[in-house]
Amino acid sequence: MQNMKLSFFTKDESFPLFIQFGRHDIPLFVHGHEDFFELVTVLDGSAEHIVDGERSVISKGDVFVIGNGISHGFDSPEGLRICNIMYRPEMLFPGDSDIRQLPGFHALFLLEPYLSSTLHFQSSLRLTPAELARVLPIINAAEQEYTSDQPGRKTMVLSLVRQLAVLLSRLYDCPTKPREIAGIADAAAFLEAHYNEDISVAEAAARSHYSQRHFIRLFTSVYGVTPQKYLLNVRLRHAGALLRDSSLSVTETALRCGFSDSNYFSRIFRKYTGSSPSDFSRNK
């Protein structure tokens, strides 16, 4: 199986994103992604989608994300036309972006790509004709900007793709998805939205409808850190943004980001970022 790199499609390392419309009249060989994710919107037609050896039918209105380490391809296409947006997640979704407060974002962009091989891939999101009509103008505008040479092109493309991601995240219907998707997505979004409050892992686990022990195990397998560490990372990301972009003092920043002790905040901030809060602060 061939593993593709984003550099196969774009050589611009300063803007690691690629957008294209594609028509598939013959099967597309099974391949993997080495260093990028792919957001796929089916614009017309149908095909068998092969994901890690599992087959399912995709058709107009289906939207899904293929992550790193997942193999996929198309078989038996019939008038299949799609839009591919290839990207590196760290560029498209900064850590302090409020899109992370949407359960649908975690489900569509983080959980489905990771769990597709264990849950036997199902199309993540199926847009109604009315919903597809809302999505198409954004996709078209993003592709037109991407292929243009207008000044400010990269900023416009990023804003349009992020707008698309927010819309898709809002349209994602978590309650109809497998519990591993819906429960963990709701819990992660809860941590993102309430990071500045005195919340516990037990409260997050309750959102997932799993026992606390199983929730911690499943969450850690998906996100690579425990829920406690995830919450700490969220708080530190927001604290760094506030210190950099606002006139708040270190103490005020600590309190706004869920730290009741500014001395503890300073120690933990230095430990995980390698810098003291005053290095970030405009009031240093």
Protein backbone atom coordinates (compact mmCIF):
# COMPACT_ATOMS: atom_id res chain seq x y z
CA MET A 1 0.00 0.00 0.00
CA GLN A 2 1.28 3.44 -0.90
CA ASN A 3 1.45 6.06 1.84
CA MET A 4 0.90 9.57 0.53
CA LYS A 5 2.44 12.76 1.90
CA LEU A 6 0.99 16.24 1.67
CA SER A 7 4.08 17.23 -0.32
CA PHE A 8 2.75 15.04 -3.16
CA PHE A 9 0.03 17.66 -3.64
CA THR A 10 1.57 20.96 -2.54
CA LYS A 11 5.17 22.08 -2.10
CA ASP A 12 4.23 25.17 -0.06
CA GLU A 13 5.47 24.26 3.43
CA SER A 14 4.34 27.65 4.74
CA PHE A 15 0.73 26.74 3.90
CA PRO A 16 0.23 22.98 4.38
CA LEU A 17 -3.25 22.74 2.90
CA PHE A 18 -4.55 21.53 -0.46
CA ILE A 19 -8.03 21.78 -1.99
CA GLN A 20 -9.28 20.08 -5.13
CA PHE A 21 -12.43 18.84 -6.82
CA GLY A 22 -12.14 15.33 -8.20
CA ARG A 23 -14.21 13.07 -10.41
CA HIS A 24 -13.71 9.32 -10.13
CA ASP A 25 -14.89 7.21 -13.06
CA ILE A 26 -12.52 4.35 -12.25
CA PRO A 27 -11.60 2.86 -8.85
CA LEU A 28 -9.09 4.72 -6.70
CA PHE A 29 -6.41 2.44 -5.26
CA VAL A 30 -6.27 1.92 -1.52
CA HIS A 31 -3.68 4.22 0.06
CA GLY A 32 -2.71 5.76 3.38
CA HIS A 33 -1.94 9.26 4.62
CA GLU A 34 1.41 9.79 6.27
CA ASP A 35 1.30 13.38 7.49
CA PHE A 36 -2.11 14.89 6.78
CA PHE A 37 -5.85 14.53 7.30
CA GLU A 38 -8.40 14.65 4.48
CA LEU A 39 -11.89 16.14 4.70
CA VAL A 40 -14.04 14.63 1.95
CA THR A 41 -17.44 15.91 0.81
CA VAL A 42 -19.32 13.82 -1.75
CA LEU A 43 -20.83 16.27 -4.22
CA ASP A 44 -22.46 13.78 -6.57
CA GLY A 45 -22.69 10.10 -7.48
CA SER A 46 -21.76 7.11 -5.35
CA ALA A 47 -19.07 4.48 -4.74
CA GLU A 48 -17.96 1.77 -2.40
CA HIS A 49 -15.62 3.30 0.14
CA ILE A 50 -12.95 0.92 1.41
CA VAL A 51 -11.58 1.88 4.83
CA ASP A 52 -9.10 -0.48 6.49
CA GLY A 53 -10.59 -3.34 4.50
CA GLU A 54 -14.22 -2.54 5.41
CA ARG A 55 -16.63 -1.51 2.64
CA SER A 56 -19.55 0.89 2.82
CA VAL A 57 -21.51 2.83 0.21
CA ILE A 58 -21.03 6.59 0.04
CA SER A 59 -23.21 8.96 -1.96
CA LYS A 60 -24.08 12.61 -2.47
CA GLY A 61 -24.11 14.54 0.80
CA ASP A 62 -21.74 12.26 2.72
CA VAL A 63 -18.93 13.96 4.63
CA PHE A 64 -16.06 12.19 6.38
CA VAL A 65 -12.50 12.71 7.57
CA ILE A 66 -9.64 10.28 6.91
CA GLY A 67 -6.81 10.55 9.41
CA ASN A 68 -3.19 9.46 9.55
CA GLY A 69 -2.59 5.73 9.49
CA ILE A 70 -5.97 4.86 7.94
CA SER A 71 -6.08 3.19 4.52
CA HIS A 72 -8.88 4.01 2.12
CA GLY A 73 -9.88 3.93 -1.53
CA PHE A 74 -12.92 3.89 -3.83
CA ASP A 75 -14.39 0.98 -5.75
CA SER A 76 -17.29 0.74 -8.23
CA PRO A 77 -17.68 4.51 -8.64
CA GLU A 78 -20.77 5.78 -10.43
CA GLY A 79 -20.46 9.45 -11.33
CA LEU A 80 -18.54 10.06 -8.11
CA ARG A 81 -17.52 13.69 -7.65
CA ILE A 82 -15.92 14.85 -4.43
CA CYS A 83 -14.15 17.79 -2.83
CA ASN A 84 -10.92 16.95 -1.00
CA ILE A 85 -9.45 19.29 1.59
CA MET A 86 -6.07 18.00 2.79
CA TYR A 87 -4.62 19.65 5.86
CA ARG A 88 -2.50 19.35 8.96
CA PRO A 89 -4.76 19.63 12.02
CA GLU A 90 -2.38 21.79 14.04
CA MET A 91 -2.55 24.50 11.37
CA LEU A 92 -6.29 24.43 10.82
CA PHE A 93 -7.48 24.20 14.43
CA PRO A 94 -5.37 26.17 16.94
CA GLY A 95 -5.50 24.89 20.50
CA ASP A 96 -7.52 27.80 21.88
CA SER A 97 -10.09 27.81 19.06
CA ASP A 98 -13.66 27.75 20.37
CA ILE A 99 -14.62 25.20 17.69
CA ARG A 100 -13.32 22.70 20.26
CA GLN A 101 -16.39 23.43 22.39
CA LEU A 102 -18.58 21.71 19.78
CA PRO A 103 -19.14 17.98 20.35
CA GLY A 104 -19.54 17.61 16.58
CA PHE A 105 -16.00 18.89 16.03
CA HIS A 106 -14.52 16.23 18.30
CA ALA A 107 -16.72 13.56 16.70
CA LEU A 108 -16.15 14.41 13.03
CA PHE A 109 -12.58 15.71 13.01
CA LEU A 110 -10.90 13.79 15.86
CA LEU A 111 -12.83 10.73 16.99
CA GLU A 112 -14.21 9.33 13.73
CA PRO A 113 -10.78 9.36 12.03
CA TYR A 114 -9.20 7.66 15.02
CA LEU A 115 -11.92 5.08 15.69
CA SER A 116 -12.97 4.29 12.13
CA SER A 117 -10.89 1.13 12.02
CA THR A 118 -12.34 -0.26 15.26
CA LEU A 119 -15.94 0.83 14.71
CA HIS A 120 -16.08 -0.36 11.09
CA PHE A 121 -16.28 2.88 9.13
CA GLN A 122 -19.66 4.51 8.81
CA SER A 123 -20.18 7.76 6.95
CA SER A 124 -19.74 10.34 9.67
CA LEU A 125 -22.17 12.94 8.43
CA ARG A 126 -24.88 12.76 5.80
CA LEU A 127 -26.07 16.19 4.71
CA THR A 128 -29.64 16.76 3.64
CA PRO A 129 -30.14 18.56 0.30
CA ALA A 130 -30.81 21.78 2.23
CA GLU A 131 -27.67 21.35 4.33
CA LEU A 132 -25.56 20.55 1.27
CA ALA A 133 -26.88 23.74 -0.32
CA ARG A 134 -25.46 25.66 2.66
CA VAL A 135 -22.10 23.90 2.44
CA LEU A 136 -21.50 24.13 -1.31
CA PRO A 137 -20.99 27.92 -1.55
CA ILE A 138 -18.29 27.76 1.13
CA ILE A 139 -16.53 24.87 -0.60
CA ASN A 140 -16.70 26.61 -3.98
CA ALA A 141 -15.40 29.90 -2.55
CA ALA A 142 -12.53 28.12 -0.75
CA GLU A 143 -11.48 26.28 -3.92
CA GLN A 144 -11.68 29.44 -6.03
CA GLU A 145 -9.53 31.36 -3.54
CA TYR A 146 -7.08 28.48 -3.26
CA THR A 147 -6.47 28.40 -7.02
CA SER A 148 -6.26 32.19 -7.33
CA ASP A 149 -3.23 34.44 -6.97
CA GLN A 150 -5.02 37.22 -5.11
CA PRO A 151 -3.26 39.02 -2.25
CA GLY A 152 -4.56 37.68 1.06
CA ARG A 153 -5.41 34.36 -0.57
CA LYS A 154 -4.11 32.21 2.28
CA THR A 155 -5.98 34.17 4.94
CA MET A 156 -9.20 33.92 2.94
CA VAL A 157 -8.79 30.17 2.36
CA LEU A 158 -8.16 29.51 6.05
CA SER A 159 -11.17 31.57 7.08
CA LEU A 160 -13.43 29.76 4.62
CA VAL A 161 -12.21 26.27 5.57
CA ARG A 162 -12.63 27.07 9.26
CA GLN A 163 -16.12 28.39 8.55
CA LEU A 164 -16.87 25.12 6.78
CA ALA A 165 -15.52 23.12 9.74
CA VAL A 166 -17.74 25.01 12.19
CA LEU A 167 -20.82 24.49 10.03
CA LEU A 168 -20.13 20.77 9.61
CA SER A 169 -19.48 20.41 13.34
CA ARG A 170 -22.81 22.04 14.12
CA LEU A 171 -24.61 19.77 11.66
CA TYR A 172 -23.06 16.59 13.05
CA ASP A 173 -25.74 14.69 14.95
CA CYS A 174 -23.83 13.11 17.85
CA PRO A 175 -26.80 11.32 19.53
CA THR A 176 -27.28 9.06 16.48
CA LYS A 177 -23.65 7.88 16.49
CA PRO A 178 -21.97 5.01 18.36
CA ARG A 179 -21.51 5.62 22.06
CA GLU A 180 -17.72 5.70 21.72
CA ILE A 181 -18.17 8.71 19.44
CA ALA A 182 -21.07 10.56 21.06
CA GLY A 183 -20.06 10.07 24.68
CA ILE A 184 -16.39 10.97 24.38
CA ALA A 185 -17.16 13.90 22.05
CA ASP A 186 -19.63 15.35 24.56
CA ALA A 187 -17.17 14.92 27.43
CA ALA A 188 -14.27 16.52 25.53
CA ALA A 189 -16.43 19.47 24.48
CA PHE A 190 -17.55 19.83 28.11
CA LEU A 191 -13.93 20.09 29.25
CA GLU A 192 -13.23 22.69 26.56
CA ALA A 193 -16.27 24.81 27.42
CA HIS A 194 -15.88 24.68 31.22
CA TYR A 195 -12.09 24.71 31.59
CA ASN A 196 -12.24 27.83 33.80
CA GLU A 197 -14.56 26.16 36.33
CA ASP A 198 -13.85 23.78 39.19
CA ILE A 199 -14.85 20.62 37.34
CA SER A 200 -13.90 17.02 38.00
CA VAL A 201 -13.18 13.98 35.88
CA ALA A 202 -16.28 12.40 37.36
CA GLU A 203 -18.42 15.17 35.85
CA ALA A 204 -16.83 14.65 32.44
CA ALA A 205 -17.28 10.88 32.74
CA ALA A 206 -20.96 11.40 33.50
CA ARG A 207 -21.31 13.24 30.19
CA SER A 208 -19.90 10.20 28.40
CA HIS A 209 -22.32 7.75 30.10
CA TYR A 210 -19.38 5.46 30.88
CA SER A 211 -18.00 4.47 34.24
CA GLN A 212 -15.19 6.77 35.32
CA ARG A 213 -12.60 4.03 34.92
CA HIS A 214 -13.69 3.07 31.41
CA PHE A 215 -14.07 6.72 30.42
CA ILE A 216 -10.49 7.49 31.44
CA ARG A 217 -9.18 4.47 29.53
CA LEU A 218 -11.11 5.27 26.32
CA PHE A 219 -10.43 9.01 26.46
CA THR A 220 -6.71 8.43 26.96
CA SER A 221 -6.52 5.99 24.04
CA VAL A 222 -8.08 8.57 21.69
CA TYR A 223 -6.46 11.82 22.84
CA GLY A 224 -3.14 10.41 24.04
CA VAL A 225 -3.47 12.03 27.49
CA THR A 226 -5.68 11.46 30.51
CA PRO A 227 -8.75 13.69 30.95
CA GLN A 228 -6.96 15.43 33.85
CA LYS A 229 -3.95 16.24 31.65
CA TYR A 230 -6.24 17.25 28.78
CA LEU A 231 -8.04 19.74 31.05
CA LEU A 232 -4.70 21.11 32.26
CA ASN A 233 -3.53 21.53 28.68
CA VAL A 234 -6.73 23.41 27.78
CA ARG A 235 -6.24 25.75 30.73
CA LEU A 236 -2.60 26.37 29.83
CA ARG A 237 -3.44 27.04 26.17
CA HIS A 238 -6.01 29.64 27.11
CA ALA A 239 -3.72 31.14 29.73
CA GLY A 240 -0.95 31.53 27.17
CA ALA A 241 -3.34 33.26 24.76
CA LEU A 242 -4.58 35.63 27.48
CA LEU A 243 -1.08 36.50 28.63
CA ARG A 244 -0.02 37.16 25.06
CA ASP A 245 -3.06 39.02 23.77
CA SER A 246 -4.64 40.78 26.77
CA SER A 247 -3.54 43.22 29.45
CA LEU A 248 -4.50 40.90 32.30
CA SER A 249 -2.00 40.29 35.07
CA VAL A 250 -0.61 36.85 35.81
CA THR A 251 -2.92 36.52 38.83
CA GLU A 252 -5.99 37.57 36.86
CA THR A 253 -5.08 35.18 34.07
CA ALA A 254 -4.67 32.29 36.50
CA LEU A 255 -8.10 32.89 38.03
CA ARG A 256 -9.81 33.20 34.64
CA CYS A 257 -8.31 29.91 33.48
CA GLY A 258 -9.37 27.78 36.42
CA PHE A 259 -6.27 28.09 38.65
CA SER A 260 -7.13 29.18 42.19
CA ASP A 261 -3.48 29.69 43.18
CA SER A 262 -1.35 31.98 41.03
CA ASN A 263 1.90 30.58 42.47
CA TYR A 264 0.88 27.06 41.49
CA PHE A 265 -0.14 28.39 38.08
CA SER A 266 3.27 29.98 37.56
CA ARG A 267 5.07 26.76 38.50
CA ILE A 268 2.92 24.54 36.29
CA PHE A 269 3.05 27.02 33.40
CA ARG A 270 6.85 27.05 33.53
CA LYS A 271 7.00 23.25 33.80
CA TYR A 272 4.89 22.58 30.71
CA THR A 273 5.82 25.52 28.49
CA GLY A 274 9.44 26.07 29.47
CA SER A 275 8.74 29.77 30.06
CA SER A 276 7.43 31.81 32.96
CA PRO A 277 4.06 33.56 32.60
CA SER A 278 5.83 36.92 32.70
CA ASP A 279 7.64 36.01 29.47
CA PHE A 280 4.24 35.89 27.75
CA SER A 281 2.62 38.77 29.55
CA ARG A 282 2.34 42.27 28.13
CA ASN A 283 2.75 43.50 31.71
CA LYS A 284 6.16 41.91 32.30
